Amino acid sequence: MGLTMWHECLLLTAEFPSYALVALGGCIEELSRSVAFQDQLGEMPPACSQCGNVPGAASRFWEMVALVASIDELSQLRAQWHVYRKRSKTAHGSALHGFEPYFGALFYFD
């Protein structure tokens, strides 16, 4: 699943950067659930039976990123670029942060 999301992120990046960010965030979140990283991140907390919310999802996202990013990169991603906040605004509210609103959607029918 994570590899598919990564591939979709790469395909989306050129024309739909906001949605590419959602795909990249999904890839990171999926990796953070992997047993391969359970030793570094601990077990996933259970989702709420009422709403499905996973407590600490944002913290887990940043813990996963911290496994591969330097302190400076992590700071830039969090404080300057606000990648998780922008990903959430697109995923949950359809906000666009790239050039999509200016040029409109481009569709290619081959």
N, C-alpha and C. Protein backbone atom coordinates (compact mmCIF):
# COMPACT_ATOMS: atom_id res chain seq x y z
N MET A 1 0.82 -1.19 0.00
CA MET A 1 0.00 0.00 0.00
C MET A 1 0.87 1.26 0.00
N GLY A 2 1.87 1.32 0.87
CA GLY A 2 2.72 2.50 0.95
C GLY A 2 3.45 2.78 -0.35
N LEU A 3 3.92 1.73 -1.01
CA LEU A 3 4.64 1.89 -2.27
C LEU A 3 3.71 2.42 -3.36
N THR A 4 2.48 1.95 -3.38
CA THR A 4 1.50 2.44 -4.35
C THR A 4 1.23 3.92 -4.12
N MET A 5 1.07 4.32 -2.86
CA MET A 5 0.83 5.73 -2.55
C MET A 5 2.02 6.59 -2.97
N TRP A 6 3.23 6.08 -2.73
CA TRP A 6 4.44 6.81 -3.14
C TRP A 6 4.44 7.01 -4.65
N HIS A 7 4.12 5.98 -5.38
CA HIS A 7 4.08 6.05 -6.84
C HIS A 7 3.03 7.08 -7.29
N GLU A 8 1.86 7.05 -6.66
CA GLU A 8 0.81 8.01 -7.00
C GLU A 8 1.25 9.44 -6.69
N CYS A 9 1.97 9.61 -5.59
CA CYS A 9 2.51 10.92 -5.24
C CYS A 9 3.39 11.45 -6.35
N LEU A 10 4.28 10.62 -6.84
CA LEU A 10 5.18 11.04 -7.91
C LEU A 10 4.41 11.42 -9.17
N LEU A 11 3.37 10.66 -9.50
CA LEU A 11 2.57 10.96 -10.68
C LEU A 11 1.79 12.26 -10.53
N LEU A 12 1.33 12.56 -9.33
CA LEU A 12 0.52 13.75 -9.08
C LEU A 12 1.33 15.03 -8.95
N THR A 13 2.58 14.93 -8.57
CA THR A 13 3.37 16.09 -8.18
C THR A 13 3.39 17.21 -9.22
N ALA A 14 3.58 16.89 -10.47
CA ALA A 14 3.74 17.94 -11.50
C ALA A 14 2.49 18.77 -11.70
N GLU A 15 1.31 18.15 -11.66
CA GLU A 15 0.09 18.90 -11.98
C GLU A 15 -0.83 19.14 -10.80
N PHE A 16 -0.73 18.32 -9.77
CA PHE A 16 -1.62 18.44 -8.62
C PHE A 16 -0.81 18.34 -7.33
N PRO A 17 0.04 19.32 -7.04
CA PRO A 17 0.93 19.21 -5.89
C PRO A 17 0.21 19.07 -4.55
N SER A 18 -0.96 19.65 -4.40
CA SER A 18 -1.68 19.53 -3.13
C SER A 18 -2.11 18.09 -2.89
N TYR A 19 -2.58 17.44 -3.93
CA TYR A 19 -3.00 16.05 -3.78
C TYR A 19 -1.80 15.11 -3.70
N ALA A 20 -0.69 15.51 -4.29
CA ALA A 20 0.55 14.75 -4.13
C ALA A 20 0.97 14.76 -2.66
N LEU A 21 0.77 15.89 -1.99
CA LEU A 21 1.10 15.99 -0.58
C LEU A 21 0.22 15.04 0.25
N VAL A 22 -1.04 14.90 -0.13
CA VAL A 22 -1.93 13.96 0.56
C VAL A 22 -1.43 12.52 0.36
N ALA A 23 -1.04 12.20 -0.87
CA ALA A 23 -0.53 10.85 -1.15
C ALA A 23 0.77 10.60 -0.39
N LEU A 24 1.65 11.58 -0.35
CA LEU A 24 2.91 11.43 0.39
C LEU A 24 2.63 11.25 1.88
N GLY A 25 1.71 12.06 2.42
CA GLY A 25 1.34 11.91 3.82
C GLY A 25 0.77 10.54 4.11
N GLY A 26 -0.06 10.03 3.20
CA GLY A 26 -0.62 8.69 3.35
C GLY A 26 0.46 7.63 3.34
N CYS A 27 1.46 7.82 2.50
CA CYS A 27 2.59 6.88 2.44
C CYS A 27 3.34 6.86 3.76
N ILE A 28 3.61 8.03 4.31
CA ILE A 28 4.32 8.12 5.58
C ILE A 28 3.48 7.51 6.70
N GLU A 29 2.18 7.80 6.70
CA GLU A 29 1.30 7.23 7.73
C GLU A 29 1.23 5.71 7.62
N GLU A 30 1.18 5.20 6.40
CA GLU A 30 1.14 3.75 6.21
C GLU A 30 2.44 3.11 6.69
N LEU A 31 3.56 3.72 6.38
CA LEU A 31 4.84 3.20 6.86
C LEU A 31 4.92 3.22 8.38
N SER A 32 4.33 4.24 9.00
CA SER A 32 4.38 4.34 10.46
C SER A 32 3.58 3.22 11.13
N ARG A 33 2.66 2.61 10.40
CA ARG A 33 1.86 1.49 10.93
C ARG A 33 2.57 0.14 10.74
N SER A 34 3.62 0.13 9.95
CA SER A 34 4.31 -1.10 9.59
C SER A 34 5.00 -1.72 10.81
N VAL A 35 4.97 -3.05 10.86
CA VAL A 35 5.68 -3.74 11.94
C VAL A 35 7.19 -3.51 11.84
N ALA A 36 7.67 -3.15 10.66
CA ALA A 36 9.10 -2.89 10.47
C ALA A 36 9.58 -1.72 11.33
N PHE A 37 8.68 -0.81 11.68
CA PHE A 37 9.07 0.37 12.46
C PHE A 37 8.49 0.34 13.87
N GLN A 38 7.91 -0.79 14.25
CA GLN A 38 7.28 -0.90 15.55
C GLN A 38 8.28 -0.72 16.69
N ASP A 39 9.51 -1.19 16.51
CA ASP A 39 10.52 -1.01 17.56
C ASP A 39 10.83 0.46 17.80
N GLN A 40 10.89 1.25 16.72
CA GLN A 40 11.21 2.68 16.86
C GLN A 40 10.00 3.51 17.29
N LEU A 41 8.80 3.14 16.84
CA LEU A 41 7.62 3.97 17.06
C LEU A 41 6.64 3.41 18.07
N GLY A 42 6.80 2.15 18.43
CA GLY A 42 5.83 1.51 19.31
C GLY A 42 4.61 1.04 18.53
N GLU A 43 3.71 0.41 19.22
CA GLU A 43 2.49 -0.09 18.56
C GLU A 43 1.54 1.05 18.28
N MET A 44 0.76 0.87 17.22
CA MET A 44 -0.27 1.85 16.88
C MET A 44 -1.34 1.85 17.97
N PRO A 45 -1.76 3.02 18.42
CA PRO A 45 -2.87 3.04 19.37
C PRO A 45 -4.16 2.64 18.65
N PRO A 46 -5.09 2.05 19.35
CA PRO A 46 -6.33 1.64 18.69
C PRO A 46 -7.17 2.85 18.29
N ALA A 47 -7.89 2.70 17.19
CA ALA A 47 -8.78 3.76 16.72
C ALA A 47 -10.02 3.81 17.60
N CYS A 48 -10.60 4.98 17.71
CA CYS A 48 -11.84 5.16 18.46
C CYS A 48 -12.95 4.34 17.80
N SER A 49 -13.67 3.58 18.60
CA SER A 49 -14.73 2.74 18.04
C SER A 49 -15.92 3.57 17.54
N GLN A 50 -16.05 4.79 18.02
CA GLN A 50 -17.16 5.65 17.61
C GLN A 50 -16.88 6.42 16.32
N CYS A 51 -15.70 7.05 16.26
CA CYS A 51 -15.42 7.93 15.11
C CYS A 51 -14.29 7.44 14.22
N GLY A 52 -13.50 6.48 14.68
CA GLY A 52 -12.39 5.97 13.88
C GLY A 52 -11.11 6.76 14.01
N ASN A 53 -11.13 7.84 14.79
CA ASN A 53 -9.93 8.66 14.98
C ASN A 53 -8.84 7.85 15.69
N VAL A 54 -7.62 7.98 15.19
CA VAL A 54 -6.47 7.35 15.84
C VAL A 54 -5.76 8.42 16.65
N PRO A 55 -5.77 8.29 17.98
CA PRO A 55 -5.12 9.32 18.80
C PRO A 55 -3.62 9.40 18.51
N GLY A 56 -3.12 10.60 18.44
CA GLY A 56 -1.69 10.79 18.23
C GLY A 56 -1.21 10.56 16.81
N ALA A 57 -2.11 10.59 15.83
CA ALA A 57 -1.72 10.32 14.44
C ALA A 57 -0.69 11.34 13.95
N ALA A 58 -0.89 12.60 14.28
CA ALA A 58 0.06 13.64 13.84
C ALA A 58 1.43 13.43 14.48
N SER A 59 1.44 13.10 15.76
CA SER A 59 2.71 12.85 16.45
C SER A 59 3.44 11.67 15.83
N ARG A 60 2.68 10.62 15.51
CA ARG A 60 3.29 9.44 14.90
C ARG A 60 3.84 9.77 13.52
N PHE A 61 3.13 10.59 12.76
CA PHE A 61 3.60 11.04 11.45
C PHE A 61 4.97 11.69 11.61
N TRP A 62 5.10 12.63 12.56
CA TRP A 62 6.36 13.35 12.74
C TRP A 62 7.46 12.45 13.30
N GLU A 63 7.10 11.48 14.12
CA GLU A 63 8.09 10.52 14.60
C GLU A 63 8.64 9.69 13.44
N MET A 64 7.77 9.34 12.51
CA MET A 64 8.20 8.58 11.34
C MET A 64 9.13 9.43 10.48
N VAL A 65 8.77 10.66 10.23
CA VAL A 65 9.61 11.56 9.42
C VAL A 65 10.96 11.76 10.09
N ALA A 66 10.97 11.85 11.42
CA ALA A 66 12.22 12.07 12.16
C ALA A 66 13.20 10.91 12.02
N LEU A 67 12.70 9.74 11.61
CA LEU A 67 13.60 8.60 11.41
C LEU A 67 14.51 8.79 10.20
N VAL A 68 14.10 9.64 9.26
CA VAL A 68 14.89 9.82 8.03
C VAL A 68 15.33 11.26 7.78
N ALA A 69 14.72 12.22 8.45
CA ALA A 69 15.04 13.64 8.21
C ALA A 69 16.00 14.15 9.28
N SER A 70 16.83 15.09 8.87
CA SER A 70 17.71 15.75 9.84
C SER A 70 16.87 16.69 10.71
N ILE A 71 17.45 17.18 11.78
CA ILE A 71 16.74 18.12 12.66
C ILE A 71 16.35 19.37 11.88
N ASP A 72 17.25 19.87 11.03
CA ASP A 72 16.95 21.05 10.23
C ASP A 72 15.82 20.79 9.23
N GLU A 73 15.87 19.63 8.58
CA GLU A 73 14.82 19.28 7.62
C GLU A 73 13.48 19.14 8.33
N LEU A 74 13.49 18.49 9.46
CA LEU A 74 12.25 18.29 10.22
C LEU A 74 11.67 19.64 10.64
N SER A 75 12.52 20.53 11.09
CA SER A 75 12.07 21.87 11.48
C SER A 75 11.47 22.61 10.30
N GLN A 76 12.12 22.52 9.16
CA GLN A 76 11.62 23.19 7.96
C GLN A 76 10.27 22.62 7.53
N LEU A 77 10.14 21.31 7.54
CA LEU A 77 8.88 20.66 7.15
C LEU A 77 7.74 21.03 8.09
N ARG A 78 8.04 21.14 9.38
CA ARG A 78 7.01 21.44 10.37
C ARG A 78 6.69 22.93 10.46
N ALA A 79 7.71 23.74 10.68
CA ALA A 79 7.51 25.14 11.03
C ALA A 79 7.44 26.08 9.83
N GLN A 80 8.12 25.74 8.76
CA GLN A 80 8.15 26.65 7.61
C GLN A 80 7.16 26.22 6.54
N TRP A 81 7.16 24.95 6.22
CA TRP A 81 6.31 24.46 5.13
C TRP A 81 4.95 23.96 5.61
N HIS A 82 4.82 23.62 6.90
CA HIS A 82 3.55 23.17 7.48
C HIS A 82 2.95 22.00 6.70
N VAL A 83 3.76 21.01 6.38
CA VAL A 83 3.30 19.94 5.48
C VAL A 83 2.14 19.14 6.05
N TYR A 84 2.15 18.83 7.34
CA TYR A 84 1.05 18.02 7.88
C TYR A 84 -0.24 18.83 7.92
N ARG A 85 -0.15 20.08 8.30
CA ARG A 85 -1.33 20.94 8.34
C ARG A 85 -1.92 21.12 6.94
N LYS A 86 -1.05 21.35 5.96
CA LYS A 86 -1.53 21.51 4.58
C LYS A 86 -2.12 20.21 4.05
N ARG A 87 -1.47 19.08 4.37
CA ARG A 87 -2.00 17.79 3.96
C ARG A 87 -3.38 17.57 4.55
N SER A 88 -3.57 17.92 5.82
CA SER A 88 -4.86 17.74 6.48
C SER A 88 -5.93 18.65 5.88
N LYS A 89 -5.55 19.88 5.57
CA LYS A 89 -6.52 20.81 4.98
C LYS A 89 -6.98 20.36 3.60
N THR A 90 -6.08 19.73 2.85
CA THR A 90 -6.46 19.20 1.54
C THR A 90 -7.28 17.93 1.70
N ALA A 91 -6.81 17.02 2.53
CA ALA A 91 -7.48 15.72 2.68
C ALA A 91 -8.86 15.85 3.31
N HIS A 92 -9.02 16.75 4.26
CA HIS A 92 -10.27 16.84 5.00
C HIS A 92 -11.12 18.04 4.61
N GLY A 93 -10.57 18.95 3.81
CA GLY A 93 -11.33 20.14 3.47
C GLY A 93 -11.17 20.63 2.05
N SER A 94 -10.46 19.90 1.22
CA SER A 94 -10.26 20.22 -0.19
C SER A 94 -9.51 21.52 -0.44
N ALA A 95 -8.71 21.96 0.52
CA ALA A 95 -7.88 23.15 0.31
C ALA A 95 -6.77 22.84 -0.68
N LEU A 96 -6.43 23.80 -1.50
CA LEU A 96 -5.34 23.64 -2.46
C LEU A 96 -4.22 24.61 -2.10
N HIS A 97 -2.99 24.12 -2.14
CA HIS A 97 -1.85 24.92 -1.72
C HIS A 97 -0.83 25.13 -2.83
N GLY A 98 -1.04 24.49 -3.95
CA GLY A 98 -0.13 24.61 -5.08
C GLY A 98 -0.68 25.59 -6.09
N PHE A 99 -0.36 25.38 -7.32
CA PHE A 99 -0.81 26.26 -8.39
C PHE A 99 -2.15 25.83 -8.97
N GLU A 100 -2.75 24.77 -8.45
CA GLU A 100 -4.01 24.25 -8.99
C GLU A 100 -5.11 25.31 -9.13
N PRO A 101 -5.32 26.17 -8.13
CA PRO A 101 -6.40 27.17 -8.26
C PRO A 101 -6.16 28.20 -9.37
N TYR A 102 -4.90 28.40 -9.73
CA TYR A 102 -4.58 29.42 -10.71
C TYR A 102 -4.71 28.94 -12.14
N PHE A 103 -4.37 27.69 -12.37
CA PHE A 103 -4.38 27.17 -13.74
C PHE A 103 -5.50 26.18 -14.00
N GLY A 104 -6.18 25.74 -12.96
CA GLY A 104 -7.25 24.77 -13.14
C GLY A 104 -6.67 23.37 -13.34
N ALA A 105 -7.55 22.42 -13.35
CA ALA A 105 -7.13 21.03 -13.54
C ALA A 105 -6.82 20.76 -14.98
N LEU A 106 -5.78 20.01 -15.21
CA LEU A 106 -5.43 19.59 -16.56
C LEU A 106 -5.72 18.12 -16.69
N PHE A 107 -6.44 17.75 -17.71
CA PHE A 107 -6.76 16.35 -17.93
C PHE A 107 -6.21 15.93 -19.28
N TYR A 108 -5.64 14.75 -19.29
CA TYR A 108 -5.11 14.21 -20.53
C TYR A 108 -5.90 12.95 -20.88
N PHE A 109 -6.57 12.97 -21.98
CA PHE A 109 -7.30 11.81 -22.45
C PHE A 109 -6.52 11.18 -23.58
N ASP A 110 -5.82 10.11 -23.27
CA ASP A 110 -5.01 9.43 -24.29
C ASP A 110 -5.84 8.41 -25.02
